[in-house]
Amino acid sequence: MRTPTRTLIAAVAAGIALAGLSGCSSDTVRQATDLGSSVASDVSSAVQGIDGKAIQDGMASVAGGIDGALDTALKGAKVTSDGQLPDGFPTKDVPLVDGTVLGGGSGPDGSGWVAQVRVGSVDEFQAAADALTGAGYTESVKRADSTSAFGLFRSDGYRVVLTFAKTDAGVTATYIVTPR
């Protein structure tokens, strides 16, 4: 059984890999993000036939090996489930989908944030993507099916990795946000 923590860890791992929450220089983060966006774009066309269960199964197998990576990237910050956004989360610049805030976490010195929101359906991913593009974000990758969704977005100020995942507990939207 997948736990909310494992789902979050898998989502955050993607963000760590693409967004550089581990304290890299802004040039390194930009290069990694550009490379990640390019690779994700190339891969997205090759994975059109993969369904959400296959993605979730793959993410579950990876999640076990990245528990320590999340802790290292956030420098010991705890990802909470207290119903509050993390301190410093850029709410004016990163519109969240309508739903119930579950919690989140933040990296040191404003290096990044994670926020989770409970939503009614994976179908709400499109509304979340529209809110980001309406706020000036450019969408570079987007993939969705009936049980999961993933997108990469960037603005002049931030990069956002957005995932939606359906679990036994419901559908959770996870935002991984880093400054540019």
Protein backbone atom coordinates (compact mmCIF):
# COMPACT_ATOMS: atom_id res chain seq x y z
CA MET A 1 0.00 0.00 0.00
CA ARG A 2 1.34 3.41 -0.94
CA THR A 3 1.53 5.88 1.86
CA PRO A 4 1.11 9.65 1.45
CA THR A 5 4.77 9.99 2.44
CA ARG A 6 5.93 7.67 -0.36
CA THR A 7 3.73 9.51 -2.86
CA LEU A 8 5.22 12.83 -1.73
CA ILE A 9 8.75 11.43 -1.78
CA ALA A 10 8.33 10.27 -5.38
CA ALA A 11 6.94 13.65 -6.42
CA VAL A 12 9.62 15.55 -4.56
CA ALA A 13 12.33 13.35 -6.07
CA ALA A 14 11.30 14.48 -9.52
CA GLY A 15 11.43 18.07 -8.34
CA ILE A 16 14.80 17.63 -6.70
CA ALA A 17 16.21 16.17 -9.87
CA LEU A 18 14.79 18.95 -12.04
CA ALA A 19 14.69 21.92 -9.73
CA GLY A 20 17.85 21.61 -7.62
CA LEU A 21 16.63 22.04 -4.03
CA SER A 22 20.01 20.84 -2.83
CA GLY A 23 21.68 24.24 -2.78
CA CYS A 24 23.26 24.35 -6.22
CA SER A 25 24.19 27.66 -7.82
CA SER A 26 21.50 29.35 -9.89
CA ASP A 27 23.42 28.61 -13.11
CA THR A 28 23.65 24.91 -12.21
CA VAL A 29 19.97 24.82 -11.30
CA ARG A 30 19.02 26.53 -14.58
CA GLN A 31 21.18 24.10 -16.59
CA ALA A 32 19.72 21.11 -14.76
CA THR A 33 16.19 22.40 -15.24
CA ASP A 34 16.77 23.08 -18.94
CA LEU A 35 18.29 19.62 -19.40
CA GLY A 36 15.49 18.01 -17.39
CA SER A 37 12.84 19.83 -19.42
CA SER A 38 14.51 18.77 -22.67
CA VAL A 39 14.80 15.14 -21.61
CA ALA A 40 11.25 15.10 -20.22
CA SER A 41 9.96 16.57 -23.48
CA ASP A 42 11.71 13.88 -25.52
CA VAL A 43 10.57 11.13 -23.15
CA SER A 44 6.95 12.34 -22.99
CA SER A 45 6.33 11.41 -26.61
CA ALA A 46 7.74 7.94 -26.02
CA VAL A 47 5.54 7.19 -23.00
CA GLN A 48 2.12 8.06 -24.39
CA GLY A 49 0.90 4.47 -23.99
CA ILE A 50 1.95 4.09 -20.36
CA ASP A 51 -0.98 4.24 -17.95
CA GLY A 52 -1.13 5.73 -14.45
CA LYS A 53 -0.79 2.38 -12.69
CA ALA A 54 2.47 1.66 -14.50
CA ILE A 55 3.76 5.11 -13.57
CA GLN A 56 2.72 4.69 -9.94
CA ASP A 57 4.26 1.20 -9.79
CA GLY A 58 7.51 2.61 -11.17
CA MET A 59 7.44 5.53 -8.78
CA ALA A 60 6.81 3.15 -5.86
CA SER A 61 9.88 1.09 -6.74
CA VAL A 62 12.03 4.22 -6.91
CA ALA A 63 10.59 5.81 -3.76
CA GLY A 64 12.31 3.35 -1.43
CA GLY A 65 15.75 4.53 -2.54
CA ILE A 66 15.11 8.25 -2.23
CA ASP A 67 13.98 8.63 1.38
CA GLY A 68 17.42 9.99 2.27
CA ALA A 69 17.60 12.20 -0.82
CA LEU A 70 14.49 14.13 0.22
CA ASP A 71 15.89 14.70 3.69
CA THR A 72 19.25 15.79 2.27
CA ALA A 73 17.71 18.14 -0.29
CA LEU A 74 15.47 19.85 2.26
CA LYS A 75 18.33 19.89 4.78
CA GLY A 76 16.25 18.15 7.46
CA ALA A 77 13.11 20.24 6.97
CA LYS A 78 9.99 18.28 7.79
CA VAL A 79 7.16 17.96 5.30
CA THR A 80 4.10 18.48 7.45
CA SER A 81 0.49 17.43 7.21
CA ASP A 82 -0.75 20.28 9.41
CA GLY A 83 -3.06 21.85 6.83
CA GLN A 84 -0.77 24.87 6.40
CA LEU A 85 1.45 26.06 3.59
CA PRO A 86 5.12 26.23 4.55
CA ASP A 87 6.56 29.55 5.72
CA GLY A 88 7.65 31.71 2.82
CA PHE A 89 5.60 29.85 0.18
CA PRO A 90 5.11 32.36 -2.67
CA THR A 91 1.29 32.32 -2.66
CA LYS A 92 1.03 35.56 -4.66
CA ASP A 93 3.17 34.12 -7.47
CA VAL A 94 2.19 30.44 -7.46
CA PRO A 95 -1.57 29.93 -7.72
CA LEU A 96 -2.77 26.70 -6.15
CA VAL A 97 -5.68 24.61 -7.38
CA ASP A 98 -8.88 24.83 -5.34
CA GLY A 99 -8.91 22.22 -2.61
CA THR A 100 -7.85 21.54 0.96
CA VAL A 101 -4.23 22.35 1.83
CA LEU A 102 -2.73 19.26 3.46
CA GLY A 103 0.68 20.70 4.36
CA GLY A 104 4.14 21.12 2.94
CA GLY A 105 7.74 21.92 3.67
CA SER A 106 10.53 24.26 2.75
CA GLY A 107 14.22 24.13 2.00
CA PRO A 108 16.71 26.35 3.80
CA ASP A 109 17.05 30.03 2.94
CA GLY A 110 14.16 30.11 0.46
CA SER A 111 15.70 27.41 -1.75
CA GLY A 112 12.33 25.83 -2.43
CA TRP A 113 8.96 24.71 -1.14
CA VAL A 114 6.64 21.74 -1.36
CA ALA A 115 2.87 22.12 -0.93
CA GLN A 116 0.18 19.47 -1.07
CA VAL A 117 -3.51 20.05 -1.76
CA ARG A 118 -6.33 17.47 -1.60
CA VAL A 119 -8.52 17.79 -4.70
CA GLY A 120 -11.60 15.94 -5.94
CA SER A 121 -10.22 14.44 -9.14
CA VAL A 122 -7.14 14.04 -11.33
CA ASP A 123 -9.21 15.94 -13.92
CA GLU A 124 -8.53 19.10 -11.88
CA PHE A 125 -4.92 18.99 -13.12
CA GLN A 126 -6.02 21.00 -16.16
CA ALA A 127 -7.44 23.75 -13.91
CA ALA A 128 -4.16 23.81 -11.96
CA ALA A 129 -2.14 24.01 -15.19
CA ASP A 130 -4.45 26.77 -16.51
CA ALA A 131 -4.01 28.76 -13.27
CA LEU A 132 -0.22 28.61 -13.65
CA THR A 133 -0.20 29.56 -17.33
CA GLY A 134 -2.72 32.33 -16.56
CA ALA A 135 -0.26 33.67 -13.99
CA GLY A 136 2.48 33.91 -16.64
CA TYR A 137 4.04 30.44 -16.44
CA THR A 138 5.19 28.59 -19.53
CA GLU A 139 4.32 24.92 -19.69
CA SER A 140 7.17 22.78 -20.96
CA VAL A 141 5.90 19.25 -20.29
CA LYS A 142 2.48 17.89 -19.40
CA ARG A 143 1.19 14.32 -19.13
CA ALA A 144 -2.10 13.17 -17.59
CA ASP A 145 -4.32 10.11 -17.46
CA SER A 146 -7.17 8.98 -15.18
CA THR A 147 -4.99 8.28 -12.12
CA SER A 148 -2.04 10.67 -12.34
CA ALA A 149 -0.71 13.82 -13.96
CA PHE A 150 2.62 15.63 -14.23
CA GLY A 151 3.69 19.02 -15.52
CA LEU A 152 6.71 21.34 -15.58
CA PHE A 153 6.12 25.10 -15.55
CA ARG A 154 8.38 28.13 -15.33
CA SER A 155 8.01 31.87 -14.99
CA ASP A 156 10.57 34.65 -14.66
CA GLY A 157 10.61 34.06 -10.91
CA TYR A 158 9.91 30.35 -10.28
CA ARG A 159 9.96 26.81 -11.56
CA VAL A 160 7.05 24.52 -10.62
CA VAL A 161 6.88 20.75 -10.83
CA LEU A 162 3.20 19.80 -10.45
CA THR A 163 2.00 16.26 -9.87
CA PHE A 164 -1.45 14.82 -9.22
CA ALA A 165 -1.73 11.29 -7.82
CA LYS A 166 -4.77 9.20 -7.00
CA THR A 167 -4.37 6.98 -3.92
CA ASP A 168 -6.72 5.20 -1.54
CA ALA A 169 -6.88 8.44 0.49
CA GLY A 170 -7.98 10.54 -2.51
CA VAL A 171 -6.27 12.73 -5.09
CA THR A 172 -3.32 14.86 -4.00
CA ALA A 173 -1.81 17.73 -5.96
CA THR A 174 1.85 18.27 -5.09
CA TYR A 175 3.62 21.52 -6.02
CA ILE A 176 7.41 21.65 -5.90
CA VAL A 177 8.48 25.26 -6.29
CA THR A 178 11.98 26.70 -6.63
CA PRO A 179 13.14 30.23 -7.36
CA ARG A 180 14.90 30.88 -10.67
